[in-house]
Amino acid sequence: MSRGNEVKRIRITYVKSAIGYGKDQKATLRALGLHRLGQSAEHDATPAILGMVKKVEHLVHVEEVGEEG
């Protein structure tokens, strides 16, 4: 991949319980790879992932992952 087209990486951490929220939000957390409180997952910051994060932003913490190497 060329330097000009690099996609940013984000780390999503599950920080608040989804108890009391809808099934759609719980399914979104699972689709992001989050199953337990405190668990983190890294994803490319694509429009699809960012839309999923927006839907559950009150349940997760998002941070940009630094460059490796």
C-alpha atoms as a PDB file:
ATOM      1  CA  MET A   1       0.000   0.000   0.000  1.00  0.00           C
ATOM      2  CA  SER A   2       1.386   3.401  -0.880  1.00  0.00           C
ATOM      3  CA  ARG A   3       1.903   6.043   1.799  1.00  0.00           C
ATOM      4  CA  GLY A   4      -0.747   8.374   0.379  1.00  0.00           C
ATOM      5  CA  ASN A   5      -3.509   5.767   0.702  1.00  0.00           C
ATOM      6  CA  GLU A   6      -2.834   4.521   4.225  1.00  0.00           C
ATOM      7  CA  VAL A   7      -5.964   3.927   6.237  1.00  0.00           C
ATOM      8  CA  LYS A   8      -5.926   5.048   9.858  1.00  0.00           C
ATOM      9  CA  ARG A   9      -6.285   2.385  12.547  1.00  0.00           C
ATOM     10  CA  ILE A  10      -8.478   2.852  15.591  1.00  0.00           C
ATOM     11  CA  ARG A  11      -8.681   0.947  18.869  1.00  0.00           C
ATOM     12  CA  ILE A  12     -12.201   0.515  20.232  1.00  0.00           C
ATOM     13  CA  THR A  13     -12.571  -0.391  23.922  1.00  0.00           C
ATOM     14  CA  TYR A  14     -15.848  -1.623  25.434  1.00  0.00           C
ATOM     15  CA  VAL A  15     -16.299   0.535  28.579  1.00  0.00           C
ATOM     16  CA  LYS A  16     -20.022   0.575  29.494  1.00  0.00           C
ATOM     17  CA  SER A  17     -22.460  -2.312  29.753  1.00  0.00           C
ATOM     18  CA  ALA A  18     -25.072  -2.690  27.019  1.00  0.00           C
ATOM     19  CA  ILE A  19     -27.690  -3.939  29.512  1.00  0.00           C
ATOM     20  CA  GLY A  20     -30.841  -1.900  28.942  1.00  0.00           C
ATOM     21  CA  TYR A  21     -29.948  -1.010  25.346  1.00  0.00           C
ATOM     22  CA  GLY A  22     -31.478  -2.502  22.211  1.00  0.00           C
ATOM     23  CA  LYS A  23     -30.553  -5.739  20.487  1.00  0.00           C
ATOM     24  CA  ASP A  24     -29.253  -3.764  17.518  1.00  0.00           C
ATOM     25  CA  GLN A  25     -26.637  -2.031  19.682  1.00  0.00           C
ATOM     26  CA  LYS A  26     -25.603  -5.333  21.280  1.00  0.00           C
ATOM     27  CA  ALA A  27     -25.263  -6.851  17.800  1.00  0.00           C
ATOM     28  CA  THR A  28     -23.129  -3.886  16.701  1.00  0.00           C
ATOM     29  CA  LEU A  29     -20.754  -4.468  19.627  1.00  0.00           C
ATOM     30  CA  ARG A  30     -20.448  -8.145  18.649  1.00  0.00           C
ATOM     31  CA  ALA A  31     -19.795  -7.201  15.018  1.00  0.00           C
ATOM     32  CA  LEU A  32     -16.975  -4.952  16.202  1.00  0.00           C
ATOM     33  CA  GLY A  33     -15.481  -7.960  18.006  1.00  0.00           C
ATOM     34  CA  LEU A  34     -16.354  -6.780  21.516  1.00  0.00           C
ATOM     35  CA  HIS A  35     -17.797  -9.365  23.894  1.00  0.00           C
ATOM     36  CA  ARG A  36     -16.695  -8.379  27.426  1.00  0.00           C
ATOM     37  CA  LEU A  37     -16.283  -5.098  29.278  1.00  0.00           C
ATOM     38  CA  GLY A  38     -12.730  -3.821  29.033  1.00  0.00           C
ATOM     39  CA  GLN A  39     -12.052  -5.712  25.814  1.00  0.00           C
ATOM     40  CA  SER A  40     -10.409  -3.852  22.919  1.00  0.00           C
ATOM     41  CA  ALA A  41     -10.372  -4.418  19.182  1.00  0.00           C
ATOM     42  CA  GLU A  42      -8.433  -2.679  16.421  1.00  0.00           C
ATOM     43  CA  HIS A  43      -9.973  -1.882  13.056  1.00  0.00           C
ATOM     44  CA  ASP A  44      -9.241   0.215   9.988  1.00  0.00           C
ATOM     45  CA  ALA A  45     -11.126   3.512  10.183  1.00  0.00           C
ATOM     46  CA  THR A  46     -13.391   2.792   7.207  1.00  0.00           C
ATOM     47  CA  PRO A  47     -16.779   4.492   6.794  1.00  0.00           C
ATOM     48  CA  ALA A  48     -18.554   1.240   7.751  1.00  0.00           C
ATOM     49  CA  ILE A  49     -16.587   0.831  10.989  1.00  0.00           C
ATOM     50  CA  LEU A  50     -16.938   4.517  11.883  1.00  0.00           C
ATOM     51  CA  GLY A  51     -20.712   4.246  11.377  1.00  0.00           C
ATOM     52  CA  MET A  52     -20.840   1.259  13.721  1.00  0.00           C
ATOM     53  CA  VAL A  53     -18.794   3.164  16.297  1.00  0.00           C
ATOM     54  CA  LYS A  54     -21.138   6.159  15.999  1.00  0.00           C
ATOM     55  CA  LYS A  55     -24.084   3.896  16.824  1.00  0.00           C
ATOM     56  CA  VAL A  56     -22.526   2.681  20.087  1.00  0.00           C
ATOM     57  CA  GLU A  57     -20.320   5.679  20.948  1.00  0.00           C
ATOM     58  CA  HIS A  58     -21.911   5.929  24.414  1.00  0.00           C
ATOM     59  CA  LEU A  59     -20.680   2.378  25.221  1.00  0.00           C
ATOM     60  CA  VAL A  60     -17.130   2.502  23.866  1.00  0.00           C
ATOM     61  CA  HIS A  61     -13.921   4.546  23.975  1.00  0.00           C
ATOM     62  CA  VAL A  62     -12.142   5.154  20.664  1.00  0.00           C
ATOM     63  CA  GLU A  63      -8.514   6.105  20.172  1.00  0.00           C
ATOM     64  CA  GLU A  64      -6.247   6.339  17.159  1.00  0.00           C
ATOM     65  CA  VAL A  65      -3.499   3.718  17.060  1.00  0.00           C
ATOM     66  CA  GLY A  66       0.039   4.987  16.484  1.00  0.00           C
ATOM     67  CA  GLU A  67       2.165   3.927  13.544  1.00  0.00           C
ATOM     68  CA  GLU A  68       4.298   0.837  14.039  1.00  0.00           C
ATOM     69  CA  GLY A  69       7.888   0.621  12.907  1.00  0.00           C
END
